[in-house]
Amino acid sequence: MKWFKRVLQFIFVVFMYFLPSFIFKTDLAFYDQLEGPKLPSIVFPIVWSIIYVLMGIFIVMLFENKKKYNKKDFTRVIIFLTINYLISFTFPYFFFVKESLFLGYLITLLSFLTITLTTIESLLLSKKYALLLLPYVIWGIIASVFAILLYLNN
């Protein structure tokens, strides 16, 4: 029965990460008309789906092993993770709804910084689980570069 609880937790976490895409309309026409280097729009749902699944595994395993960790280290990871989630939640609103390339870039950069801090702090808890965040960090670098290029070209 413990596996069922983990599965429900995983589904909840992944749902929460997908929630902004249900709330805020993704305007691909806006994205497609932007000048400058862009990734094909099909890349985003693939990459984010992978990242959200990895985040779901990371968070479930983090809480599953909570008692093994130093309380202060665990709390810092949760704080950075929460800040990252709240920042990334706002991206589709400011980028697609408000069509603000500057705020899109700023949010992308802040998301990259907070997931990097989360990853560094997670290393204190579990190197194995911290590796689950590495694709998000790499994507944060890529997304930040493309976001600043889009802002500068438009």
N, C-alpha and C. Protein backbone atom coordinates (compact mmCIF):
# COMPACT_ATOMS: atom_id res chain seq x y z
N MET A 1 0.82 -1.21 0.00
CA MET A 1 0.00 0.00 0.00
C MET A 1 0.86 1.27 0.00
N LYS A 2 2.11 1.13 0.44
CA LYS A 2 3.01 2.27 0.45
C LYS A 2 3.26 2.78 -0.97
N TRP A 3 3.33 1.88 -1.93
CA TRP A 3 3.55 2.26 -3.32
C TRP A 3 2.39 3.09 -3.85
N PHE A 4 1.17 2.77 -3.41
CA PHE A 4 -0.02 3.51 -3.86
C PHE A 4 0.05 4.95 -3.38
N LYS A 5 0.49 5.15 -2.16
CA LYS A 5 0.64 6.50 -1.61
C LYS A 5 1.69 7.27 -2.41
N ARG A 6 2.79 6.62 -2.75
CA ARG A 6 3.83 7.26 -3.56
C ARG A 6 3.30 7.65 -4.94
N VAL A 7 2.53 6.77 -5.54
CA VAL A 7 1.97 7.04 -6.86
C VAL A 7 1.03 8.25 -6.80
N LEU A 8 0.19 8.30 -5.78
CA LEU A 8 -0.72 9.45 -5.62
C LEU A 8 0.05 10.74 -5.40
N GLN A 9 1.10 10.68 -4.58
CA GLN A 9 1.93 11.86 -4.35
C GLN A 9 2.59 12.31 -5.65
N PHE A 10 3.11 11.36 -6.40
CA PHE A 10 3.75 11.65 -7.67
C PHE A 10 2.76 12.32 -8.63
N ILE A 11 1.57 11.76 -8.75
CA ILE A 11 0.55 12.33 -9.64
C ILE A 11 0.20 13.74 -9.21
N PHE A 12 0.06 13.96 -7.91
CA PHE A 12 -0.25 15.29 -7.39
C PHE A 12 0.85 16.29 -7.75
N VAL A 13 2.10 15.91 -7.53
CA VAL A 13 3.22 16.82 -7.81
C VAL A 13 3.27 17.15 -9.30
N VAL A 14 3.17 16.14 -10.14
CA VAL A 14 3.22 16.39 -11.59
C VAL A 14 2.04 17.26 -12.02
N PHE A 15 0.86 17.01 -11.47
CA PHE A 15 -0.31 17.85 -11.77
C PHE A 15 -0.04 19.30 -11.39
N MET A 16 0.55 19.52 -10.21
CA MET A 16 0.83 20.89 -9.75
C MET A 16 1.81 21.59 -10.69
N TYR A 17 2.77 20.86 -11.22
CA TYR A 17 3.72 21.46 -12.16
C TYR A 17 3.06 21.78 -13.50
N PHE A 18 2.10 20.97 -13.92
CA PHE A 18 1.38 21.23 -15.17
C PHE A 18 0.28 22.29 -15.00
N LEU A 19 -0.10 22.58 -13.78
CA LEU A 19 -1.22 23.48 -13.50
C LEU A 19 -1.15 24.82 -14.24
N PRO A 20 -0.01 25.51 -14.27
CA PRO A 20 0.02 26.79 -14.99
C PRO A 20 -0.38 26.67 -16.46
N SER A 21 -0.05 25.54 -17.10
CA SER A 21 -0.41 25.39 -18.50
C SER A 21 -1.92 25.18 -18.68
N PHE A 22 -2.60 24.76 -17.62
CA PHE A 22 -4.06 24.65 -17.68
C PHE A 22 -4.72 26.00 -17.42
N ILE A 23 -4.08 26.81 -16.59
CA ILE A 23 -4.66 28.10 -16.19
C ILE A 23 -4.41 29.18 -17.24
N PHE A 24 -3.17 29.24 -17.76
CA PHE A 24 -2.78 30.30 -18.68
C PHE A 24 -2.64 29.72 -20.09
N LYS A 25 -3.31 30.35 -21.04
CA LYS A 25 -3.27 29.89 -22.43
C LYS A 25 -1.89 30.11 -23.03
N THR A 26 -1.34 29.07 -23.62
CA THR A 26 -0.07 29.17 -24.32
C THR A 26 -0.35 29.65 -25.74
N ASP A 27 0.10 30.85 -26.03
CA ASP A 27 -0.15 31.46 -27.33
C ASP A 27 1.02 31.18 -28.27
N LEU A 28 0.93 30.07 -28.99
CA LEU A 28 2.00 29.69 -29.90
C LEU A 28 2.13 30.66 -31.07
N ALA A 29 1.03 31.31 -31.46
CA ALA A 29 1.10 32.30 -32.53
C ALA A 29 2.02 33.46 -32.12
N PHE A 30 1.93 33.88 -30.86
CA PHE A 30 2.81 34.93 -30.34
C PHE A 30 4.26 34.46 -30.40
N TYR A 31 4.52 33.27 -29.91
CA TYR A 31 5.88 32.73 -29.91
C TYR A 31 6.43 32.60 -31.33
N ASP A 32 5.62 32.08 -32.24
CA ASP A 32 6.06 31.84 -33.61
C ASP A 32 6.39 33.13 -34.36
N GLN A 33 5.75 34.23 -34.01
CA GLN A 33 6.01 35.48 -34.72
C GLN A 33 7.24 36.23 -34.19
N LEU A 34 7.83 35.76 -33.12
CA LEU A 34 9.01 36.42 -32.56
C LEU A 34 10.21 36.26 -33.47
N GLU A 35 11.05 37.29 -33.51
CA GLU A 35 12.28 37.27 -34.31
C GLU A 35 13.42 36.71 -33.47
N GLY A 36 14.40 36.15 -34.16
CA GLY A 36 15.59 35.65 -33.48
C GLY A 36 15.57 34.14 -33.35
N PRO A 37 16.63 33.62 -32.74
CA PRO A 37 16.73 32.17 -32.60
C PRO A 37 15.67 31.63 -31.64
N LYS A 38 14.99 30.59 -32.10
CA LYS A 38 13.94 29.97 -31.28
C LYS A 38 14.05 28.47 -31.41
N LEU A 39 13.64 27.80 -30.37
CA LEU A 39 13.50 26.35 -30.44
C LEU A 39 12.15 26.03 -31.05
N PRO A 40 12.03 24.91 -31.75
CA PRO A 40 10.71 24.52 -32.26
C PRO A 40 9.74 24.36 -31.10
N SER A 41 8.52 24.82 -31.26
CA SER A 41 7.56 24.81 -30.15
C SER A 41 7.27 23.40 -29.62
N ILE A 42 7.49 22.37 -30.42
CA ILE A 42 7.25 21.00 -29.97
C ILE A 42 8.25 20.58 -28.88
N VAL A 43 9.39 21.24 -28.81
CA VAL A 43 10.42 20.91 -27.83
C VAL A 43 9.92 21.16 -26.40
N PHE A 44 9.15 22.21 -26.21
CA PHE A 44 8.75 22.61 -24.87
C PHE A 44 7.91 21.58 -24.12
N PRO A 45 6.83 21.05 -24.71
CA PRO A 45 6.07 20.06 -23.95
C PRO A 45 6.86 18.79 -23.67
N ILE A 46 7.77 18.43 -24.57
CA ILE A 46 8.59 17.24 -24.34
C ILE A 46 9.55 17.47 -23.18
N VAL A 47 10.28 18.57 -23.24
CA VAL A 47 11.27 18.87 -22.19
C VAL A 47 10.59 19.06 -20.84
N TRP A 48 9.51 19.85 -20.82
CA TRP A 48 8.85 20.10 -19.54
C TRP A 48 8.20 18.84 -18.97
N SER A 49 7.71 17.97 -19.80
CA SER A 49 7.14 16.71 -19.31
C SER A 49 8.21 15.87 -18.63
N ILE A 50 9.38 15.81 -19.24
CA ILE A 50 10.50 15.07 -18.63
C ILE A 50 10.90 15.71 -17.31
N ILE A 51 11.04 17.02 -17.32
CA ILE A 51 11.43 17.74 -16.09
C ILE A 51 10.38 17.53 -14.99
N TYR A 52 9.10 17.63 -15.33
CA TYR A 52 8.05 17.46 -14.32
C TYR A 52 8.03 16.05 -13.74
N VAL A 53 8.26 15.06 -14.58
CA VAL A 53 8.32 13.67 -14.08
C VAL A 53 9.51 13.53 -13.12
N LEU A 54 10.65 14.07 -13.51
CA LEU A 54 11.82 14.00 -12.63
C LEU A 54 11.60 14.77 -11.33
N MET A 55 10.92 15.91 -11.42
CA MET A 55 10.60 16.68 -10.20
C MET A 55 9.66 15.88 -9.31
N GLY A 56 8.70 15.21 -9.93
CA GLY A 56 7.77 14.38 -9.16
C GLY A 56 8.51 13.28 -8.40
N ILE A 57 9.41 12.60 -9.09
CA ILE A 57 10.22 11.55 -8.43
C ILE A 57 11.06 12.16 -7.32
N PHE A 58 11.72 13.28 -7.64
CA PHE A 58 12.58 13.95 -6.65
C PHE A 58 11.80 14.30 -5.39
N ILE A 59 10.66 14.94 -5.54
CA ILE A 59 9.90 15.40 -4.38
C ILE A 59 9.34 14.22 -3.58
N VAL A 60 8.82 13.22 -4.25
CA VAL A 60 8.29 12.04 -3.54
C VAL A 60 9.41 11.36 -2.75
N MET A 61 10.56 11.17 -3.38
CA MET A 61 11.67 10.50 -2.69
C MET A 61 12.24 11.38 -1.57
N LEU A 62 12.24 12.67 -1.78
CA LEU A 62 12.71 13.60 -0.75
C LEU A 62 11.87 13.46 0.51
N PHE A 63 10.55 13.49 0.35
CA PHE A 63 9.67 13.38 1.51
C PHE A 63 9.66 11.96 2.08
N GLU A 64 9.86 10.98 1.23
CA GLU A 64 9.91 9.59 1.67
C GLU A 64 11.07 9.36 2.65
N ASN A 65 12.16 10.08 2.44
CA ASN A 65 13.36 9.91 3.25
C ASN A 65 13.61 11.08 4.20
N LYS A 66 12.60 11.86 4.43
CA LYS A 66 12.70 13.09 5.22
C LYS A 66 13.39 12.88 6.58
N LYS A 67 13.07 11.80 7.24
CA LYS A 67 13.61 11.55 8.59
C LYS A 67 15.11 11.29 8.59
N LYS A 68 15.67 10.94 7.45
CA LYS A 68 17.10 10.65 7.35
C LYS A 68 17.94 11.92 7.25
N TYR A 69 17.30 13.04 6.90
CA TYR A 69 18.03 14.26 6.59
C TYR A 69 18.11 15.20 7.79
N ASN A 70 19.14 16.03 7.72
CA ASN A 70 19.26 17.12 8.68
C ASN A 70 18.08 18.07 8.43
N LYS A 71 17.38 18.45 9.50
CA LYS A 71 16.16 19.24 9.37
C LYS A 71 16.41 20.59 8.68
N LYS A 72 17.51 21.26 9.02
CA LYS A 72 17.80 22.56 8.41
C LYS A 72 18.09 22.42 6.91
N ASP A 73 18.85 21.40 6.54
CA ASP A 73 19.15 21.17 5.12
C ASP A 73 17.87 20.86 4.35
N PHE A 74 17.04 20.01 4.92
CA PHE A 74 15.77 19.64 4.28
C PHE A 74 14.89 20.87 4.11
N THR A 75 14.81 21.70 5.13
CA THR A 75 13.98 22.90 5.09
C THR A 75 14.47 23.86 4.01
N ARG A 76 15.79 24.03 3.89
CA ARG A 76 16.33 24.91 2.85
C ARG A 76 15.96 24.41 1.46
N VAL A 77 16.06 23.10 1.25
CA VAL A 77 15.69 22.54 -0.06
C VAL A 77 14.22 22.81 -0.36
N ILE A 78 13.37 22.61 0.63
CA ILE A 78 11.93 22.84 0.44
C ILE A 78 11.65 24.32 0.17
N ILE A 79 12.34 25.21 0.85
CA ILE A 79 12.15 26.65 0.63
C ILE A 79 12.56 27.02 -0.80
N PHE A 80 13.75 26.59 -1.23
CA PHE A 80 14.20 26.90 -2.59
C PHE A 80 13.28 26.27 -3.64
N LEU A 81 12.84 25.06 -3.36
CA LEU A 81 11.93 24.36 -4.29
C LEU A 81 10.61 25.11 -4.41
N THR A 82 10.10 25.59 -3.30
CA THR A 82 8.84 26.35 -3.30
C THR A 82 9.00 27.67 -4.05
N ILE A 83 10.10 28.36 -3.79
CA ILE A 83 10.36 29.63 -4.49
C ILE A 83 10.47 29.37 -5.99
N ASN A 84 11.18 28.31 -6.37
CA ASN A 84 11.31 27.97 -7.78
C ASN A 84 9.96 27.69 -8.40
N TYR A 85 9.14 26.94 -7.69
CA TYR A 85 7.81 26.61 -8.22
C TYR A 85 6.98 27.88 -8.43
N LEU A 86 6.97 28.75 -7.44
CA LEU A 86 6.18 29.98 -7.53
C LEU A 86 6.67 30.87 -8.67
N ILE A 87 7.98 30.95 -8.83
CA ILE A 87 8.53 31.75 -9.92
C ILE A 87 8.15 31.15 -11.27
N SER A 88 8.36 29.85 -11.42
CA SER A 88 8.08 29.23 -12.72
C SER A 88 6.58 29.20 -13.03
N PHE A 89 5.76 29.21 -11.99
CA PHE A 89 4.30 29.26 -12.17
C PHE A 89 3.88 30.51 -12.93
N THR A 90 4.60 31.61 -12.71
CA THR A 90 4.23 32.90 -13.30
C THR A 90 4.67 33.06 -14.76
N PHE A 91 5.58 32.20 -15.22
CA PHE A 91 6.13 32.37 -16.56
C PHE A 91 5.06 32.42 -17.65
N PRO A 92 4.18 31.42 -17.75
CA PRO A 92 3.21 31.48 -18.86
C PRO A 92 2.32 32.71 -18.82
N TYR A 93 2.03 33.20 -17.62
CA TYR A 93 1.20 34.40 -17.52
C TYR A 93 1.92 35.60 -18.12
N PHE A 94 3.15 35.85 -17.66
CA PHE A 94 3.85 37.04 -18.12
C PHE A 94 4.34 36.92 -19.56
N PHE A 95 4.74 35.72 -19.98
CA PHE A 95 5.26 35.56 -21.33
C PHE A 95 4.15 35.46 -22.36
N PHE A 96 3.16 34.59 -22.13
CA PHE A 96 2.13 34.35 -23.15
C PHE A 96 0.91 35.25 -23.02
N VAL A 97 0.48 35.54 -21.79
CA VAL A 97 -0.71 36.36 -21.61
C VAL A 97 -0.36 37.84 -21.73
N LYS A 98 0.64 38.28 -20.99
CA LYS A 98 1.05 39.69 -21.02
C LYS A 98 2.02 39.99 -22.16
N GLU A 99 2.56 38.94 -22.77
CA GLU A 99 3.51 39.06 -23.88
C GLU A 99 4.70 39.95 -23.53
N SER A 100 5.21 39.77 -22.32
CA SER A 100 6.36 40.53 -21.85
C SER A 100 7.63 39.68 -21.99
N LEU A 101 8.43 40.01 -22.98
CA LEU A 101 9.66 39.26 -23.20
C LEU A 101 10.68 39.51 -22.09
N PHE A 102 10.68 40.74 -21.57
CA PHE A 102 11.62 41.05 -20.48
C PHE A 102 11.27 40.24 -19.23
N LEU A 103 10.00 40.26 -18.83
CA LEU A 103 9.62 39.49 -17.64
C LEU A 103 9.76 37.99 -17.89
N GLY A 104 9.52 37.56 -19.12
CA GLY A 104 9.76 36.16 -19.46
C GLY A 104 11.21 35.78 -19.24
N TYR A 105 12.10 36.66 -19.70
CA TYR A 105 13.54 36.41 -19.49
C TYR A 105 13.87 36.44 -18.01
N LEU A 106 13.40 37.44 -17.30
CA LEU A 106 13.71 37.58 -15.87
C LEU A 106 13.22 36.36 -15.08
N ILE A 107 12.03 35.90 -15.38
CA ILE A 107 11.48 34.72 -14.70
C ILE A 107 12.28 33.47 -15.05
N THR A 108 12.67 33.35 -16.31
CA THR A 108 13.49 32.21 -16.73
C THR A 108 14.82 32.21 -15.99
N LEU A 109 15.44 33.36 -15.89
CA LEU A 109 16.72 33.47 -15.17
C LEU A 109 16.54 33.16 -13.68
N LEU A 110 15.51 33.71 -13.07
CA LEU A 110 15.26 33.43 -11.64
C LEU A 110 14.94 31.96 -11.41
N SER A 111 14.22 31.36 -12.33
CA SER A 111 13.92 29.94 -12.23
C SER A 111 15.21 29.12 -12.30
N PHE A 112 16.08 29.48 -13.23
CA PHE A 112 17.38 28.80 -13.34
C PHE A 112 18.18 28.95 -12.05
N LEU A 113 18.24 30.16 -11.52
CA LEU A 113 19.01 30.39 -10.29
C LEU A 113 18.44 29.60 -9.11
N THR A 114 17.14 29.59 -8.97
CA THR A 114 16.55 28.89 -7.82
C THR A 114 16.64 27.37 -7.96
N ILE A 115 16.55 26.84 -9.17
CA ILE A 115 16.71 25.39 -9.31
C ILE A 115 18.17 25.00 -9.12
N THR A 116 19.08 25.88 -9.48
CA THR A 116 20.51 25.62 -9.22
C THR A 116 20.77 25.61 -7.72
N LEU A 117 20.21 26.57 -7.00
CA LEU A 117 20.37 26.58 -5.54
C LEU A 117 19.72 25.34 -4.92
N THR A 118 18.57 24.96 -5.42
CA THR A 118 17.89 23.76 -4.93
C THR A 118 18.76 22.53 -5.15
N THR A 119 19.37 22.44 -6.32
CA THR A 119 20.24 21.30 -6.64
C THR A 119 21.45 21.27 -5.72
N ILE A 120 22.09 22.41 -5.52
CA ILE A 120 23.26 22.48 -4.64
C ILE A 120 22.88 22.07 -3.22
N GLU A 121 21.78 22.61 -2.73
CA GLU A 121 21.32 22.26 -1.38
C GLU A 121 20.93 20.78 -1.29
N SER A 122 20.38 20.24 -2.38
CA SER A 122 19.97 18.83 -2.39
C SER A 122 21.15 17.88 -2.31
N LEU A 123 22.30 18.34 -2.76
CA LEU A 123 23.50 17.51 -2.66
C LEU A 123 23.82 17.16 -1.21
N LEU A 124 23.44 18.05 -0.29
CA LEU A 124 23.66 17.77 1.14
C LEU A 124 22.77 16.64 1.64
N LEU A 125 21.65 16.44 0.97
CA LEU A 125 20.70 15.41 1.39
C LEU A 125 20.98 14.08 0.69
N SER A 126 21.08 14.13 -0.64
CA SER A 126 21.28 12.91 -1.41
C SER A 126 21.83 13.26 -2.79
N LYS A 127 23.04 12.81 -3.06
CA LYS A 127 23.63 13.06 -4.38
C LYS A 127 22.80 12.39 -5.47
N LYS A 128 22.30 11.19 -5.17
CA LYS A 128 21.51 10.44 -6.15
C LYS A 128 20.23 11.20 -6.52
N TYR A 129 19.53 11.73 -5.54
CA TYR A 129 18.30 12.46 -5.82
C TYR A 129 18.59 13.82 -6.45
N ALA A 130 19.69 14.44 -6.07
CA ALA A 130 20.05 15.74 -6.64
C ALA A 130 20.29 15.61 -8.15
N LEU A 131 20.77 14.47 -8.61
CA LEU A 131 20.99 14.25 -10.04
C LEU A 131 19.69 14.34 -10.84
N LEU A 132 18.56 14.07 -10.19
CA LEU A 132 17.27 14.18 -10.87
C LEU A 132 16.98 15.62 -11.30
N LEU A 133 17.63 16.58 -10.64
CA LEU A 133 17.40 17.99 -10.95
C LEU A 133 18.32 18.51 -12.05
N LEU A 134 19.32 17.74 -12.40
CA LEU A 134 20.30 18.18 -13.39
C LEU A 134 19.69 18.55 -14.74
N PRO A 135 18.74 17.77 -15.29
CA PRO A 135 18.13 18.21 -16.56
C PRO A 135 17.44 19.56 -16.46
N TYR A 136 16.85 19.86 -15.31
CA TYR A 136 16.19 21.16 -15.11
C TYR A 136 17.25 22.27 -15.11
N VAL A 137 18.38 22.04 -14.47
CA VAL A 137 19.45 23.03 -14.45
C VAL A 137 19.96 23.27 -15.87
N ILE A 138 20.19 22.20 -16.61
CA ILE A 138 20.67 22.32 -17.99
C ILE A 138 19.64 23.06 -18.85
N TRP A 139 18.37 22.70 -18.69
CA TRP A 139 17.31 23.39 -19.42
C TRP A 139 17.26 24.86 -19.01
N GLY A 140 17.50 25.16 -17.75
CA GLY A 140 17.51 26.54 -17.28
C GLY A 140 18.56 27.38 -17.99
N ILE A 141 19.72 26.78 -18.24
CA ILE A 141 20.78 27.48 -18.97
C ILE A 141 20.32 27.74 -20.40
N ILE A 142 19.85 26.70 -21.06
CA ILE A 142 19.40 26.82 -22.45
C ILE A 142 18.26 27.83 -22.57
N ALA A 143 17.27 27.70 -21.70
CA ALA A 143 16.10 28.59 -21.75
C ALA A 143 16.50 30.04 -21.48
N SER A 144 17.43 30.27 -20.56
CA SER A 144 17.88 31.63 -20.25
C SER A 144 18.56 32.28 -21.46
N VAL A 145 19.37 31.51 -22.15
CA VAL A 145 20.06 32.03 -23.34
C VAL A 145 19.03 32.39 -24.42
N PHE A 146 18.11 31.48 -24.70
CA PHE A 146 17.10 31.77 -25.72
C PHE A 146 16.19 32.93 -25.30
N ALA A 147 15.85 33.01 -24.01
CA ALA A 147 14.97 34.08 -23.54
C ALA A 147 15.62 35.45 -23.70
N ILE A 148 16.91 35.57 -23.38
CA ILE A 148 17.57 36.87 -23.52
C ILE A 148 17.73 37.21 -25.01
N LEU A 149 17.98 36.21 -25.85
CA LEU A 149 18.09 36.47 -27.28
C LEU A 149 16.76 36.92 -27.87
N LEU A 150 15.67 36.30 -27.43
CA LEU A 150 14.35 36.73 -27.90
C LEU A 150 14.06 38.16 -27.45
N TYR A 151 14.40 38.47 -26.21
CA TYR A 151 14.17 39.81 -25.70
C TYR A 151 14.98 40.84 -26.50
N LEU A 152 16.25 40.55 -26.72
CA LEU A 152 17.12 41.49 -27.43
C LEU A 152 16.75 41.66 -28.91
N ASN A 153 16.21 40.60 -29.52
CA ASN A 153 15.84 40.66 -30.94
C ASN A 153 14.45 41.21 -31.19
N ASN A 154 13.68 41.40 -30.14
CA ASN A 154 12.32 41.88 -30.32
C ASN A 154 12.11 43.14 -29.51
